[in-house]
Amino acid sequence: MKSVLSVFAISFSITLSAALWSAQAASATSQPGQVAMVAVSGLPIEVSASCDKGTAVFKVMNPGETLPSAIIFNILEVKTNTVVSKRRMSLAAGQSATFKLKSADKVSGDIGLFMDAKWLPRDRRVDASVRCSG
């Protein structure tokens, strides 16, 4: 499994958006072809998780004010709690970002996103997850 994870490629893009997403729960899991949209407990961030042709896609949005400092966005294999990739960034008011993990369909379990904000201590748990494998 470790060799499969090492060949994953992550791509990152930022888009600015004024659209607001509806909040539904504190955390959610999405199956292939479905989109889960959630408000993250304790963080003023909204997340959607989906699969697109074997790629796990996490879209995060800050619908409120600019955050006080950067957040570390960790993408991990949920079953083993192994961080596959991470990115540290700040989100301005209305800003969104998309994180993609290619070959997620090769992982037998869920791929998750955990957002670590040093300015908001909270339990380390998956904020959103998606399963791209059958």
Protein backbone atom coordinates (compact mmCIF):
# COMPACT_ATOMS: atom_id res chain seq x y z
CA MET A 1 0.00 0.00 0.00
CA LYS A 2 2.87 2.34 0.78
CA SER A 3 4.21 2.10 -2.77
CA VAL A 4 0.75 2.94 -4.15
CA LEU A 5 0.59 6.01 -1.93
CA SER A 6 4.02 7.18 -3.03
CA VAL A 7 2.89 7.41 -6.65
CA PHE A 8 -0.07 9.61 -5.86
CA ALA A 9 0.16 13.07 -7.29
CA ILE A 10 -1.60 16.01 -5.75
CA SER A 11 -2.64 19.06 -7.57
CA PHE A 12 -3.79 22.25 -6.00
CA SER A 13 -5.73 25.17 -7.32
CA ILE A 14 -7.25 28.24 -5.76
CA THR A 15 -10.30 29.99 -7.01
CA LEU A 16 -12.12 32.97 -5.63
CA SER A 17 -15.82 32.52 -5.25
CA ALA A 18 -18.63 34.50 -3.70
CA ALA A 19 -21.07 31.57 -3.68
CA LEU A 20 -22.12 30.26 -0.27
CA TRP A 21 -22.50 26.54 0.31
CA SER A 22 -25.17 25.08 2.56
CA ALA A 23 -23.97 23.47 5.78
CA GLN A 24 -25.37 20.04 6.55
CA ALA A 25 -23.30 18.28 9.24
CA ALA A 26 -20.11 18.25 11.28
CA SER A 27 -18.50 15.55 9.13
CA ALA A 28 -19.56 13.34 6.24
CA THR A 29 -18.42 10.57 3.95
CA SER A 30 -19.04 10.49 0.22
CA GLN A 31 -19.22 7.34 -1.88
CA PRO A 32 -18.18 7.24 -5.56
CA GLY A 33 -20.29 9.60 -7.63
CA GLN A 34 -21.73 11.41 -4.60
CA VAL A 35 -20.84 14.77 -3.09
CA ALA A 36 -20.86 15.39 0.64
CA MET A 37 -21.00 19.03 1.72
CA VAL A 38 -20.32 19.86 5.37
CA ALA A 39 -19.61 22.66 7.79
CA VAL A 40 -16.52 21.85 9.84
CA SER A 41 -17.05 21.80 13.57
CA GLY A 42 -15.26 24.72 15.20
CA LEU A 43 -13.86 26.14 11.94
CA PRO A 44 -15.57 28.73 9.76
CA ILE A 45 -14.89 26.55 6.70
CA GLU A 46 -17.22 24.56 4.46
CA VAL A 47 -16.04 21.42 2.64
CA SER A 48 -17.33 19.27 -0.19
CA ALA A 49 -15.84 15.86 -0.97
CA SER A 50 -16.33 13.90 -4.17
CA CYS A 51 -14.71 11.51 -6.64
CA ASP A 52 -14.04 12.41 -10.25
CA LYS A 53 -12.72 9.60 -12.49
CA GLY A 54 -10.70 8.00 -9.68
CA THR A 55 -9.50 11.31 -8.22
CA ALA A 56 -10.54 12.40 -4.72
CA VAL A 57 -11.62 16.05 -4.78
CA PHE A 58 -11.94 18.24 -1.68
CA LYS A 59 -13.25 21.77 -2.12
CA VAL A 60 -12.95 24.09 0.86
CA MET A 61 -14.50 27.52 1.21
CA ASN A 62 -14.31 30.33 3.73
CA PRO A 63 -17.75 31.97 3.55
CA GLY A 64 -16.94 34.40 6.37
CA GLU A 65 -14.15 36.79 7.28
CA THR A 66 -10.44 36.31 6.58
CA LEU A 67 -9.04 33.69 8.95
CA PRO A 68 -6.60 34.79 11.67
CA SER A 69 -3.76 32.60 10.34
CA ALA A 70 -2.97 29.71 8.03
CA ILE A 71 -4.53 26.26 8.18
CA ILE A 72 -2.70 23.03 7.40
CA PHE A 73 -4.85 20.95 5.06
CA ASN A 74 -3.93 17.28 5.54
CA ILE A 75 -5.08 14.64 3.06
CA LEU A 76 -4.81 11.19 4.57
CA GLU A 77 -5.65 7.55 4.18
CA VAL A 78 -8.29 7.21 6.89
CA LYS A 79 -7.79 3.51 7.72
CA THR A 80 -4.12 3.95 8.62
CA ASN A 81 -4.23 7.66 9.52
CA THR A 82 -1.32 8.14 7.08
CA VAL A 83 -0.89 11.67 5.73
CA VAL A 84 -0.52 11.44 1.96
CA SER A 85 -0.13 15.16 1.32
CA LYS A 86 -0.50 18.46 3.10
CA ARG A 87 -0.64 22.12 2.25
CA ARG A 88 -0.42 25.16 4.54
CA MET A 89 -2.38 28.22 3.44
CA SER A 90 -4.60 31.08 4.53
CA LEU A 91 -8.08 31.65 3.18
CA ALA A 92 -9.37 35.19 2.68
CA ALA A 93 -13.06 36.04 2.99
CA GLY A 94 -14.99 34.28 0.22
CA GLN A 95 -11.94 32.36 -0.99
CA SER A 96 -12.10 28.70 -1.94
CA ALA A 97 -9.47 26.10 -2.71
CA THR A 98 -9.59 22.69 -4.38
CA PHE A 99 -7.35 19.78 -3.40
CA LYS A 100 -7.15 16.75 -5.70
CA LEU A 101 -5.57 13.38 -5.02
CA LYS A 102 -5.08 11.31 -8.15
CA SER A 103 -5.34 7.50 -8.09
CA ALA A 104 -7.58 7.57 -5.02
CA ASP A 105 -9.52 4.70 -6.59
CA LYS A 106 -6.45 2.52 -5.92
CA VAL A 107 -6.88 2.93 -2.15
CA SER A 108 -9.18 0.31 -0.58
CA GLY A 109 -10.62 2.67 2.03
CA ASP A 110 -11.55 6.29 2.53
CA ILE A 111 -9.39 9.30 1.74
CA GLY A 112 -9.92 12.06 4.29
CA LEU A 113 -9.25 15.73 4.88
CA PHE A 114 -8.26 17.08 8.28
CA MET A 115 -7.81 20.80 8.75
CA ASP A 116 -5.34 21.78 11.47
CA ALA A 117 -5.67 25.36 12.66
CA LYS A 118 -3.09 26.12 15.37
CA TRP A 119 -5.26 29.03 16.56
CA LEU A 120 -8.18 26.65 17.23
CA PRO A 121 -7.19 23.57 19.23
CA ARG A 122 -9.51 20.64 18.53
CA ASP A 123 -9.43 16.85 18.33
CA ARG A 124 -7.64 15.39 15.35
CA ARG A 125 -10.37 13.70 13.37
CA VAL A 126 -11.33 13.57 9.73
CA ASP A 127 -13.39 16.60 8.71
CA ALA A 128 -14.61 15.05 5.45
CA SER A 129 -13.87 11.82 3.59
CA VAL A 130 -14.54 10.15 0.30
CA ARG A 131 -14.20 6.60 -1.02
CA CYS A 132 -13.31 6.39 -4.70
CA SER A 133 -12.73 2.62 -4.81
CA GLY A 134 -15.61 0.21 -5.48
